[in-house]
Amino acid sequence: MIIHCVRAQSEILAILRHYPNLKAAIFHGFISSPEQASELTSRGYFLSFGFGALRSPKTVNALRACPSSALFLESDTAKNGISTLYEQVAEVRKVDIATLKREIYDNYIRIFG
């Protein structure tokens, strides 16, 4: 399930509790605090970050703290390509691009096979 959540995390979490067998939930366009990111990832959900995340200091901190096993990237609302996003996120997370790509690919395979 792909979820675009704007200022409704508590409500979404209340709904998701009714679906304990959900294979995966990806919070698309995640822009929020490290605390909210931690709450979601501790429940086994994934976070997808785009260029907007890099403009928010609190979300940059969430991006740094997000476990690699819960991470996705997206560029659907930006003029810049996904390659640019990978470069910028690799710098923020202090990993090389190949590692970042492998981590995200592993997450994709885990969900979609």
PDB file of N, CA and C in Angstrom:
ATOM      1  N   MET A   1       0.843  -1.155   0.000  1.00  0.00           N
ATOM      2  CA  MET A   1       0.000   0.000   0.000  1.00  0.00           C
ATOM      3  C   MET A   1       0.899   1.232   0.000  1.00  0.00           C
ATOM      4  N   ILE A   2       0.608   2.162  -0.879  1.00  0.00           N
ATOM      5  CA  ILE A   2       1.321   3.439  -0.936  1.00  0.00           C
ATOM      6  C   ILE A   2       0.408   4.472  -0.280  1.00  0.00           C
ATOM      7  N   ILE A   3       0.945   5.206   0.687  1.00  0.00           N
ATOM      8  CA  ILE A   3       0.142   6.155   1.452  1.00  0.00           C
ATOM      9  C   ILE A   3       0.745   7.540   1.322  1.00  0.00           C
ATOM     10  N   HIS A   4      -0.083   8.497   0.940  1.00  0.00           N
ATOM     11  CA  HIS A   4       0.332   9.902   0.967  1.00  0.00           C
ATOM     12  C   HIS A   4      -0.394  10.530   2.146  1.00  0.00           C
ATOM     13  N   CYS A   5       0.346  10.807   3.191  1.00  0.00           N
ATOM     14  CA  CYS A   5      -0.239  11.265   4.450  1.00  0.00           C
ATOM     15  C   CYS A   5       0.215  12.697   4.740  1.00  0.00           C
ATOM     16  N   VAL A   6      -0.756  13.591   4.886  1.00  0.00           N
ATOM     17  CA  VAL A   6      -0.455  14.979   5.224  1.00  0.00           C
ATOM     18  C   VAL A   6      -1.189  15.323   6.511  1.00  0.00           C
ATOM     19  N   ARG A   7      -0.426  15.515   7.579  1.00  0.00           N
ATOM     20  CA  ARG A   7      -0.960  15.902   8.880  1.00  0.00           C
ATOM     21  C   ARG A   7      -2.072  14.973   9.378  1.00  0.00           C
ATOM     22  N   ALA A   8      -1.922  13.667   9.129  1.00  0.00           N
ATOM     23  CA  ALA A   8      -2.941  12.718   9.579  1.00  0.00           C
ATOM     24  C   ALA A   8      -2.320  11.392  10.007  1.00  0.00           C
ATOM     25  N   GLN A   9      -1.088  11.438  10.516  1.00  0.00           N
ATOM     26  CA  GLN A   9      -0.389  10.200  10.851  1.00  0.00           C
ATOM     27  C   GLN A   9      -1.133   9.381  11.894  1.00  0.00           C
ATOM     28  N   SER A  10      -1.638   9.999  12.921  1.00  0.00           N
ATOM     29  CA  SER A  10      -2.370   9.258  13.962  1.00  0.00           C
ATOM     30  C   SER A  10      -3.582   8.551  13.377  1.00  0.00           C
ATOM     31  N   GLU A  11      -4.301   9.249  12.516  1.00  0.00           N
ATOM     32  CA  GLU A  11      -5.487   8.667  11.902  1.00  0.00           C
ATOM     33  C   GLU A  11      -5.123   7.496  10.999  1.00  0.00           C
ATOM     34  N   ILE A  12      -4.074   7.665  10.215  1.00  0.00           N
ATOM     35  CA  ILE A  12      -3.629   6.589   9.326  1.00  0.00           C
ATOM     36  C   ILE A  12      -3.185   5.377  10.133  1.00  0.00           C
ATOM     37  N   LEU A  13      -2.425   5.594  11.206  1.00  0.00           N
ATOM     38  CA  LEU A  13      -1.980   4.477  12.045  1.00  0.00           C
ATOM     39  C   LEU A  13      -3.164   3.745  12.671  1.00  0.00           C
ATOM     40  N   ALA A  14      -4.197   4.486  13.048  1.00  0.00           N
ATOM     41  CA  ALA A  14      -5.398   3.857  13.606  1.00  0.00           C
ATOM     42  C   ALA A  14      -6.062   2.958  12.558  1.00  0.00           C
ATOM     43  N   ILE A  15      -6.087   3.393  11.318  1.00  0.00           N
ATOM     44  CA  ILE A  15      -6.671   2.582  10.246  1.00  0.00           C
ATOM     45  C   ILE A  15      -5.803   1.355   9.970  1.00  0.00           C
ATOM     46  N   LEU A  16      -4.483   1.560   9.913  1.00  0.00           N
ATOM     47  CA  LEU A  16      -3.576   0.451   9.602  1.00  0.00           C
ATOM     48  C   LEU A  16      -3.618  -0.658  10.644  1.00  0.00           C
ATOM     49  N   ARG A  17      -3.990  -0.335  11.862  1.00  0.00           N
ATOM     50  CA  ARG A  17      -4.096  -1.367  12.913  1.00  0.00           C
ATOM     51  C   ARG A  17      -5.123  -2.439  12.549  1.00  0.00           C
ATOM     52  N   HIS A  18      -6.064  -2.088  11.673  1.00  0.00           N
ATOM     53  CA  HIS A  18      -7.094  -3.037  11.243  1.00  0.00           C
ATOM     54  C   HIS A  18      -6.600  -3.985  10.157  1.00  0.00           C
ATOM     55  N   TYR A  19      -5.357  -3.798   9.717  1.00  0.00           N
ATOM     56  CA  TYR A  19      -4.800  -4.606   8.641  1.00  0.00           C
ATOM     57  C   TYR A  19      -3.454  -5.205   9.064  1.00  0.00           C
ATOM     58  N   PRO A  20      -3.477  -6.122  10.022  1.00  0.00           N
ATOM     59  CA  PRO A  20      -2.219  -6.673  10.540  1.00  0.00           C
ATOM     60  C   PRO A  20      -1.458  -7.527   9.526  1.00  0.00           C
ATOM     61  N   ASN A  21      -2.121  -8.010   8.494  1.00  0.00           N
ATOM     62  CA  ASN A  21      -1.465  -8.868   7.505  1.00  0.00           C
ATOM     63  C   ASN A  21      -1.039  -8.111   6.251  1.00  0.00           C
ATOM     64  N   LEU A  22      -1.091  -6.801   6.306  1.00  0.00           N
ATOM     65  CA  LEU A  22      -0.667  -5.978   5.185  1.00  0.00           C
ATOM     66  C   LEU A  22       0.809  -6.250   4.907  1.00  0.00           C
ATOM     67  N   LYS A  23       1.124  -6.590   3.674  1.00  0.00           N
ATOM     68  CA  LYS A  23       2.513  -6.936   3.347  1.00  0.00           C
ATOM     69  C   LYS A  23       3.452  -5.752   3.540  1.00  0.00           C
ATOM     70  N   ALA A  24       3.033  -4.568   3.110  1.00  0.00           N
ATOM     71  CA  ALA A  24       3.894  -3.395   3.250  1.00  0.00           C
ATOM     72  C   ALA A  24       3.062  -2.130   3.119  1.00  0.00           C
ATOM     73  N   ALA A  25       3.519  -1.093   3.787  1.00  0.00           N
ATOM     74  CA  ALA A  25       2.965   0.248   3.630  1.00  0.00           C
ATOM     75  C   ALA A  25       4.144   1.189   3.437  1.00  0.00           C
ATOM     76  N   ILE A  26       4.065   1.958   2.361  1.00  0.00           N
ATOM     77  CA  ILE A  26       5.120   2.920   2.040  1.00  0.00           C
ATOM     78  C   ILE A  26       4.522   4.317   2.166  1.00  0.00           C
ATOM     79  N   PHE A  27       5.092   5.122   3.043  1.00  0.00           N
ATOM     80  CA  PHE A  27       4.643   6.499   3.209  1.00  0.00           C
ATOM     81  C   PHE A  27       5.355   7.355   2.172  1.00  0.00           C
ATOM     82  N   HIS A  28       4.612   7.661   1.116  1.00  0.00           N
ATOM     83  CA  HIS A  28       5.099   8.390  -0.057  1.00  0.00           C
ATOM     84  C   HIS A  28       5.241   9.878   0.271  1.00  0.00           C
ATOM     85  N   GLY A  29       6.299  10.490  -0.242  1.00  0.00           N
ATOM     86  CA  GLY A  29       6.491  11.931  -0.052  1.00  0.00           C
ATOM     87  C   GLY A  29       6.657  12.305   1.407  1.00  0.00           C
ATOM     88  N   PHE A  30       7.363  11.470   2.164  1.00  0.00           N
ATOM     89  CA  PHE A  30       7.490  11.699   3.600  1.00  0.00           C
ATOM     90  C   PHE A  30       8.216  13.008   3.876  1.00  0.00           C
ATOM     91  N   ILE A  31       7.551  13.881   4.604  1.00  0.00           N
ATOM     92  CA  ILE A  31       8.147  15.133   5.078  1.00  0.00           C
ATOM     93  C   ILE A  31       7.648  15.328   6.504  1.00  0.00           C
ATOM     94  N   SER A  32       8.501  14.976   7.456  1.00  0.00           N
ATOM     95  CA  SER A  32       8.113  15.115   8.858  1.00  0.00           C
ATOM     96  C   SER A  32       9.345  14.943   9.730  1.00  0.00           C
ATOM     97  N   SER A  33       9.096  14.784  11.005  1.00  0.00           N
ATOM     98  CA  SER A  33      10.166  14.761  12.005  1.00  0.00           C
ATOM     99  C   SER A  33      10.804  13.383  12.148  1.00  0.00           C
ATOM    100  N   PRO A  34      11.994  13.351  12.744  1.00  0.00           N
ATOM    101  CA  PRO A  34      12.624  12.069  13.051  1.00  0.00           C
ATOM    102  C   PRO A  34      11.764  11.224  13.989  1.00  0.00           C
ATOM    103  N   GLU A  35      11.040  11.872  14.890  1.00  0.00           N
ATOM    104  CA  GLU A  35      10.194  11.135  15.831  1.00  0.00           C
ATOM    105  C   GLU A  35       9.055  10.424  15.099  1.00  0.00           C
ATOM    106  N   GLN A  36       8.431  11.119  14.161  1.00  0.00           N
ATOM    107  CA  GLN A  36       7.359  10.486  13.391  1.00  0.00           C
ATOM    108  C   GLN A  36       7.914   9.398  12.482  1.00  0.00           C
ATOM    109  N   ALA A  37       9.076   9.631  11.919  1.00  0.00           N
ATOM    110  CA  ALA A  37       9.718   8.605  11.096  1.00  0.00           C
ATOM    111  C   ALA A  37      10.002   7.361  11.921  1.00  0.00           C
ATOM    112  N   SER A  38      10.509   7.556  13.116  1.00  0.00           N
ATOM    113  CA  SER A  38      10.818   6.436  13.996  1.00  0.00           C
ATOM    114  C   SER A  38       9.564   5.650  14.367  1.00  0.00           C
ATOM    115  N   GLU A  39       8.477   6.362  14.620  1.00  0.00           N
ATOM    116  CA  GLU A  39       7.226   5.677  14.953  1.00  0.00           C
ATOM    117  C   GLU A  39       6.774   4.780  13.797  1.00  0.00           C
ATOM    118  N   LEU A  40       6.883   5.291  12.586  1.00  0.00           N
ATOM    119  CA  LEU A  40       6.456   4.515  11.428  1.00  0.00           C
ATOM    120  C   LEU A  40       7.380   3.334  11.153  1.00  0.00           C
ATOM    121  N   THR A  41       8.677   3.581  11.161  1.00  0.00           N
ATOM    122  CA  THR A  41       9.615   2.491  10.850  1.00  0.00           C
ATOM    123  C   THR A  41       9.639   1.437  11.943  1.00  0.00           C
ATOM    124  N   SER A  42       9.395   1.829  13.186  1.00  0.00           N
ATOM    125  CA  SER A  42       9.356   0.836  14.274  1.00  0.00           C
ATOM    126  C   SER A  42       8.164  -0.110  14.118  1.00  0.00           C
ATOM    127  N   ARG A  43       7.156   0.316  13.370  1.00  0.00           N
ATOM    128  CA  ARG A  43       5.990  -0.528  13.092  1.00  0.00           C
ATOM    129  C   ARG A  43       6.168  -1.339  11.809  1.00  0.00           C
ATOM    130  N   GLY A  44       7.333  -1.198  11.191  1.00  0.00           N
ATOM    131  CA  GLY A  44       7.627  -1.974   9.992  1.00  0.00           C
ATOM    132  C   GLY A  44       7.245  -1.306   8.690  1.00  0.00           C
ATOM    133  N   TYR A  45       6.880  -0.027   8.735  1.00  0.00           N
ATOM    134  CA  TYR A  45       6.499   0.690   7.533  1.00  0.00           C
ATOM    135  C   TYR A  45       7.728   1.300   6.864  1.00  0.00           C
ATOM    136  N   PHE A  46       7.575   1.622   5.596  1.00  0.00           N
ATOM    137  CA  PHE A  46       8.644   2.199   4.792  1.00  0.00           C
ATOM    138  C   PHE A  46       8.399   3.685   4.599  1.00  0.00           C
ATOM    139  N   LEU A  47       9.477   4.434   4.375  1.00  0.00           N
ATOM    140  CA  LEU A  47       9.388   5.864   4.107  1.00  0.00           C
ATOM    141  C   LEU A  47      10.022   6.145   2.752  1.00  0.00           C
ATOM    142  N   SER A  48       9.339   6.936   1.952  1.00  0.00           N
ATOM    143  CA  SER A  48       9.860   7.328   0.652  1.00  0.00           C
ATOM    144  C   SER A  48      10.083   8.835   0.663  1.00  0.00           C
ATOM    145  N   PHE A  49      11.313   9.235   0.388  1.00  0.00           N
ATOM    146  CA  PHE A  49      11.710  10.642   0.440  1.00  0.00           C
ATOM    147  C   PHE A  49      11.947  11.165  -0.965  1.00  0.00           C
ATOM    148  N   GLY A  50      11.526  12.396  -1.201  1.00  0.00           N
ATOM    149  CA  GLY A  50      11.779  13.076  -2.464  1.00  0.00           C
ATOM    150  C   GLY A  50      12.606  14.320  -2.223  1.00  0.00           C
ATOM    151  N   PHE A  51      12.705  15.155  -3.240  1.00  0.00           N
ATOM    152  CA  PHE A  51      13.487  16.386  -3.128  1.00  0.00           C
ATOM    153  C   PHE A  51      12.953  17.316  -2.041  1.00  0.00           C
ATOM    154  N   GLY A  52      11.640  17.298  -1.806  1.00  0.00           N
ATOM    155  CA  GLY A  52      11.055  18.149  -0.766  1.00  0.00           C
ATOM    156  C   GLY A  52      11.628  17.871   0.602  1.00  0.00           C
ATOM    157  N   ALA A  53      11.998  16.638   0.849  1.00  0.00           N
ATOM    158  CA  ALA A  53      12.577  16.266   2.143  1.00  0.00           C
ATOM    159  C   ALA A  53      13.890  16.997   2.393  1.00  0.00           C
ATOM    160  N   LEU A  54      14.618  17.289   1.327  1.00  0.00           N
ATOM    161  CA  LEU A  54      15.917  17.935   1.470  1.00  0.00           C
ATOM    162  C   LEU A  54      15.800  19.420   1.783  1.00  0.00           C
ATOM    163  N   ARG A  55      14.599  19.966   1.654  1.00  0.00           N
ATOM    164  CA  ARG A  55      14.373  21.382   1.964  1.00  0.00           C
ATOM    165  C   ARG A  55      13.896  21.589   3.407  1.00  0.00           C
ATOM    166  N   SER A  56      13.679  20.517   4.117  1.00  0.00           N
ATOM    167  CA  SER A  56      13.182  20.602   5.489  1.00  0.00           C
ATOM    168  C   SER A  56      14.236  20.060   6.453  1.00  0.00           C
ATOM    169  N   PRO A  57      14.816  20.905   7.301  1.00  0.00           N
ATOM    170  CA  PRO A  57      15.854  20.418   8.229  1.00  0.00           C
ATOM    171  C   PRO A  57      15.386  19.245   9.091  1.00  0.00           C
ATOM    172  N   LYS A  58      14.156  19.283   9.577  1.00  0.00           N
ATOM    173  CA  LYS A  58      13.685  18.170  10.414  1.00  0.00           C
ATOM    174  C   LYS A  58      13.569  16.886   9.588  1.00  0.00           C
ATOM    175  N   THR A  59      13.184  17.017   8.315  1.00  0.00           N
ATOM    176  CA  THR A  59      13.065  15.824   7.485  1.00  0.00           C
ATOM    177  C   THR A  59      14.431  15.313   7.055  1.00  0.00           C
ATOM    178  N   VAL A  60      15.387  16.200   6.876  1.00  0.00           N
ATOM    179  CA  VAL A  60      16.766  15.754   6.605  1.00  0.00           C
ATOM    180  C   VAL A  60      17.253  14.904   7.776  1.00  0.00           C
ATOM    181  N   ASN A  61      16.946  15.316   8.988  1.00  0.00           N
ATOM    182  CA  ASN A  61      17.315  14.519  10.168  1.00  0.00           C
ATOM    183  C   ASN A  61      16.591  13.179  10.168  1.00  0.00           C
ATOM    184  N   ALA A  62      15.329  13.168   9.743  1.00  0.00           N
ATOM    185  CA  ALA A  62      14.583  11.910   9.644  1.00  0.00           C
ATOM    186  C   ALA A  62      15.210  11.009   8.584  1.00  0.00           C
ATOM    187  N   LEU A  63      15.636  11.605   7.474  1.00  0.00           N
ATOM    188  CA  LEU A  63      16.285  10.858   6.402  1.00  0.00           C
ATOM    189  C   LEU A  63      17.588  10.236   6.889  1.00  0.00           C
ATOM    190  N   ARG A  64      18.346  10.986   7.654  1.00  0.00           N
ATOM    191  CA  ARG A  64      19.601  10.452   8.211  1.00  0.00           C
ATOM    192  C   ARG A  64      19.332   9.284   9.150  1.00  0.00           C
ATOM    193  N   ALA A  65      18.261   9.379   9.937  1.00  0.00           N
ATOM    194  CA  ALA A  65      17.972   8.381  10.964  1.00  0.00           C
ATOM    195  C   ALA A  65      17.181   7.183  10.441  1.00  0.00           C
ATOM    196  N   CYS A  66      16.592   7.312   9.272  1.00  0.00           N
ATOM    197  CA  CYS A  66      15.761   6.231   8.733  1.00  0.00           C
ATOM    198  C   CYS A  66      16.615   4.979   8.514  1.00  0.00           C
ATOM    199  N   PRO A  67      16.179   3.843   9.042  1.00  0.00           N
ATOM    200  CA  PRO A  67      16.931   2.610   8.781  1.00  0.00           C
ATOM    201  C   PRO A  67      16.971   2.323   7.282  1.00  0.00           C
ATOM    202  N   SER A  68      18.091   1.863   6.803  1.00  0.00           N
ATOM    203  CA  SER A  68      18.207   1.571   5.369  1.00  0.00           C
ATOM    204  C   SER A  68      17.181   0.528   4.934  1.00  0.00           C
ATOM    205  N   SER A  69      16.761  -0.324   5.842  1.00  0.00           N
ATOM    206  CA  SER A  69      15.777  -1.363   5.525  1.00  0.00           C
ATOM    207  C   SER A  69      14.363  -0.815   5.381  1.00  0.00           C
ATOM    208  N   ALA A  70      14.169   0.488   5.593  1.00  0.00           N
ATOM    209  CA  ALA A  70      12.840   1.105   5.486  1.00  0.00           C
ATOM    210  C   ALA A  70      12.833   2.255   4.485  1.00  0.00           C
ATOM    211  N   LEU A  71      13.854   2.355   3.653  1.00  0.00           N
ATOM    212  CA  LEU A  71      14.075   3.544   2.829  1.00  0.00           C
ATOM    213  C   LEU A  71      13.723   3.343   1.359  1.00  0.00           C
ATOM    214  N   PHE A  72      13.031   4.344   0.817  1.00  0.00           N
ATOM    215  CA  PHE A  72      12.814   4.473  -0.624  1.00  0.00           C
ATOM    216  C   PHE A  72      13.048   5.932  -1.002  1.00  0.00           C
ATOM    217  N   LEU A  73      13.316   6.163  -2.287  1.00  0.00           N
ATOM    218  CA  LEU A  73      13.453   7.518  -2.814  1.00  0.00           C
ATOM    219  C   LEU A  73      12.511   7.680  -3.995  1.00  0.00           C
ATOM    220  N   GLU A  74      12.112   8.923  -4.249  1.00  0.00           N
ATOM    221  CA  GLU A  74      11.189   9.207  -5.343  1.00  0.00           C
ATOM    222  C   GLU A  74      11.491  10.581  -5.927  1.00  0.00           C
ATOM    223  N   SER A  75      11.216  10.722  -7.200  1.00  0.00           N
ATOM    224  CA  SER A  75      11.460  12.020  -7.841  1.00  0.00           C
ATOM    225  C   SER A  75      10.277  12.444  -8.697  1.00  0.00           C
ATOM    226  N   ASP A  76       9.100  11.963  -8.393  1.00  0.00           N
ATOM    227  CA  ASP A  76       7.948  12.177  -9.263  1.00  0.00           C
ATOM    228  C   ASP A  76       7.460  13.617  -9.349  1.00  0.00           C
ATOM    229  N   THR A  77       7.798  14.449  -8.382  1.00  0.00           N
ATOM    230  CA  THR A  77       7.307  15.832  -8.422  1.00  0.00           C
ATOM    231  C   THR A  77       8.411  16.836  -8.737  1.00  0.00           C
ATOM    232  N   ALA A  78       9.558  16.362  -9.180  1.00  0.00           N
ATOM    233  CA  ALA A  78      10.698  17.257  -9.372  1.00  0.00           C
ATOM    234  C   ALA A  78      11.159  17.276 -10.824  1.00  0.00           C
ATOM    235  N   LYS A  79      11.758  18.388 -11.201  1.00  0.00           N
ATOM    236  CA  LYS A  79      12.351  18.498 -12.533  1.00  0.00           C
ATOM    237  C   LYS A  79      13.670  17.748 -12.592  1.00  0.00           C
ATOM    238  N   ASN A  80      14.325  17.652 -11.441  1.00  0.00           N
ATOM    239  CA  ASN A  80      15.592  16.919 -11.376  1.00  0.00           C
ATOM    240  C   ASN A  80      15.307  15.423 -11.442  1.00  0.00           C
ATOM    241  N   GLY A  81      16.237  14.684 -11.963  1.00  0.00           N
ATOM    242  CA  GLY A  81      16.056  13.246 -12.081  1.00  0.00           C
ATOM    243  C   GLY A  81      16.402  12.506 -10.799  1.00  0.00           C
ATOM    244  N   ILE A  82      16.086  11.244 -10.808  1.00  0.00           N
ATOM    245  CA  ILE A  82      16.328  10.393  -9.640  1.00  0.00           C
ATOM    246  C   ILE A  82      17.831  10.281  -9.352  1.00  0.00           C
ATOM    247  N   SER A  83      18.663  10.357 -10.382  1.00  0.00           N
ATOM    248  CA  SER A  83      20.114  10.280 -10.169  1.00  0.00           C
ATOM    249  C   SER A  83      20.600  11.405  -9.268  1.00  0.00           C
ATOM    250  N   THR A  84      20.067  12.592  -9.485  1.00  0.00           N
ATOM    251  CA  THR A  84      20.439  13.738  -8.649  1.00  0.00           C
ATOM    252  C   THR A  84      19.991  13.518  -7.214  1.00  0.00           C
ATOM    253  N   LEU A  85      18.810  12.970  -7.037  1.00  0.00           N
ATOM    254  CA  LEU A  85      18.316  12.695  -5.691  1.00  0.00           C
ATOM    255  C   LEU A  85      19.210  11.664  -4.994  1.00  0.00           C
ATOM    256  N   TYR A  86      19.581  10.611  -5.707  1.00  0.00           N
ATOM    257  CA  TYR A  86      20.486   9.606  -5.122  1.00  0.00           C
ATOM    258  C   TYR A  86      21.800  10.245  -4.677  1.00  0.00           C
ATOM    259  N   GLU A  87      22.350  11.119  -5.497  1.00  0.00           N
ATOM    260  CA  GLU A  87      23.600  11.790  -5.141  1.00  0.00           C
ATOM    261  C   GLU A  87      23.438  12.608  -3.860  1.00  0.00           C
ATOM    262  N   GLN A  88      22.363  13.377  -3.790  1.00  0.00           N
ATOM    263  CA  GLN A  88      22.152  14.243  -2.631  1.00  0.00           C
ATOM    264  C   GLN A  88      21.859  13.431  -1.366  1.00  0.00           C
ATOM    265  N   VAL A  89      21.067  12.385  -1.500  1.00  0.00           N
ATOM    266  CA  VAL A  89      20.736  11.560  -0.327  1.00  0.00           C
ATOM    267  C   VAL A  89      21.954  10.775   0.131  1.00  0.00           C
ATOM    268  N   ALA A  90      22.752  10.279  -0.794  1.00  0.00           N
ATOM    269  CA  ALA A  90      23.981   9.576  -0.409  1.00  0.00           C
ATOM    270  C   ALA A  90      24.883  10.497   0.401  1.00  0.00           C
ATOM    271  N   GLU A  91      24.963  11.748   0.002  1.00  0.00           N
ATOM    272  CA  GLU A  91      25.768  12.721   0.738  1.00  0.00           C
ATOM    273  C   GLU A  91      25.197  12.956   2.135  1.00  0.00           C
ATOM    274  N   VAL A  92      23.896  13.138   2.233  1.00  0.00           N
ATOM    275  CA  VAL A  92      23.236  13.365   3.529  1.00  0.00           C
ATOM    276  C   VAL A  92      23.437  12.167   4.457  1.00  0.00           C
ATOM    277  N   ARG A  93      23.303  10.963   3.905  1.00  0.00           N
ATOM    278  CA  ARG A  93      23.395   9.742   4.723  1.00  0.00           C
ATOM    279  C   ARG A  93      24.840   9.254   4.884  1.00  0.00           C
ATOM    280  N   LYS A  94      25.762   9.923   4.192  1.00  0.00           N
ATOM    281  CA  LYS A  94      27.192   9.575   4.271  1.00  0.00           C
ATOM    282  C   LYS A  94      27.457   8.116   3.860  1.00  0.00           C
ATOM    283  N   VAL A  95      26.870   7.749   2.710  1.00  0.00           N
ATOM    284  CA  VAL A  95      27.116   6.439   2.106  1.00  0.00           C
ATOM    285  C   VAL A  95      27.426   6.670   0.631  1.00  0.00           C
ATOM    286  N   ASP A  96      28.036   5.689   0.002  1.00  0.00           N
ATOM    287  CA  ASP A  96      28.274   5.837  -1.427  1.00  0.00           C
ATOM    288  C   ASP A  96      26.993   5.480  -2.186  1.00  0.00           C
ATOM    289  N   ILE A  97      26.887   5.965  -3.398  1.00  0.00           N
ATOM    290  CA  ILE A  97      25.670   5.795  -4.192  1.00  0.00           C
ATOM    291  C   ILE A  97      25.385   4.319  -4.449  1.00  0.00           C
ATOM    292  N   ALA A  98      26.401   3.527  -4.696  1.00  0.00           N
ATOM    293  CA  ALA A  98      26.189   2.099  -4.949  1.00  0.00           C
ATOM    294  C   ALA A  98      25.537   1.420  -3.749  1.00  0.00           C
ATOM    295  N   THR A  99      25.981   1.770  -2.558  1.00  0.00           N
ATOM    296  CA  THR A  99      25.391   1.201  -1.341  1.00  0.00           C
ATOM    297  C   THR A  99      23.937   1.627  -1.214  1.00  0.00           C
ATOM    298  N   LEU A 100      23.677   2.902  -1.433  1.00  0.00           N
ATOM    299  CA  LEU A 100      22.312   3.415  -1.346  1.00  0.00           C
ATOM    300  C   LEU A 100      21.402   2.711  -2.348  1.00  0.00           C
ATOM    301  N   LYS A 101      21.856   2.550  -3.566  1.00  0.00           N
ATOM    302  CA  LYS A 101      21.060   1.864  -4.589  1.00  0.00           C
ATOM    303  C   LYS A 101      20.774   0.420  -4.196  1.00  0.00           C
ATOM    304  N   ARG A 102      21.771  -0.251  -3.662  1.00  0.00           N
ATOM    305  CA  ARG A 102      21.596  -1.647  -3.256  1.00  0.00           C
ATOM    306  C   ARG A 102      20.589  -1.765  -2.121  1.00  0.00           C
ATOM    307  N   GLU A 103      20.674  -0.859  -1.150  1.00  0.00           N
ATOM    308  CA  GLU A 103      19.748  -0.893  -0.019  1.00  0.00           C
ATOM    309  C   GLU A 103      18.304  -0.699  -0.493  1.00  0.00           C
ATOM    310  N   ILE A 104      18.098   0.255  -1.373  1.00  0.00           N
ATOM    311  CA  ILE A 104      16.750   0.530  -1.862  1.00  0.00           C
ATOM    312  C   ILE A 104      16.260  -0.609  -2.756  1.00  0.00           C
ATOM    313  N   TYR A 105      17.144  -1.143  -3.566  1.00  0.00           N
ATOM    314  CA  TYR A 105      16.768  -2.287  -4.402  1.00  0.00           C
ATOM    315  C   TYR A 105      16.374  -3.481  -3.523  1.00  0.00           C
ATOM    316  N   ASP A 106      17.115  -3.726  -2.478  1.00  0.00           N
ATOM    317  CA  ASP A 106      16.775  -4.821  -1.558  1.00  0.00           C
ATOM    318  C   ASP A 106      15.388  -4.622  -0.960  1.00  0.00           C
ATOM    319  N   ASN A 107      15.044  -3.385  -0.617  1.00  0.00           N
ATOM    320  CA  ASN A 107      13.708  -3.105  -0.083  1.00  0.00           C
ATOM    321  C   ASN A 107      12.636  -3.389  -1.137  1.00  0.00           C
ATOM    322  N   TYR A 108      12.906  -2.969  -2.357  1.00  0.00           N
ATOM    323  CA  TYR A 108      11.975  -3.227  -3.453  1.00  0.00           C
ATOM    324  C   TYR A 108      11.746  -4.738  -3.621  1.00  0.00           C
ATOM    325  N   ILE A 109      12.813  -5.495  -3.656  1.00  0.00           N
ATOM    326  CA  ILE A 109      12.713  -6.948  -3.830  1.00  0.00           C
ATOM    327  C   ILE A 109      11.942  -7.572  -2.664  1.00  0.00           C
ATOM    328  N   ARG A 110      12.193  -7.104  -1.460  1.00  0.00           N
ATOM    329  CA  ARG A 110      11.499  -7.646  -0.293  1.00  0.00           C
ATOM    330  C   ARG A 110       9.982  -7.464  -0.416  1.00  0.00           C
ATOM    331  N   ILE A 111       9.558  -6.353  -0.972  1.00  0.00           N
ATOM    332  CA  ILE A 111       8.127  -6.079  -1.077  1.00  0.00           C
ATOM    333  C   ILE A 111       7.523  -6.674  -2.351  1.00  0.00           C
ATOM    334  N   PHE A 112       8.157  -6.415  -3.472  1.00  0.00           N
ATOM    335  CA  PHE A 112       7.541  -6.740  -4.749  1.00  0.00           C
ATOM    336  C   PHE A 112       8.068  -8.025  -5.396  1.00  0.00           C
ATOM    337  N   GLY A 113       9.117  -8.595  -4.800  1.00  0.00           N
ATOM    338  CA  GLY A 113       9.644  -9.851  -5.317  1.00  0.00           C
ATOM    339  C   GLY A 113      10.438  -9.734  -6.492  1.00  0.00           C
TER     340      GLY A 113
END
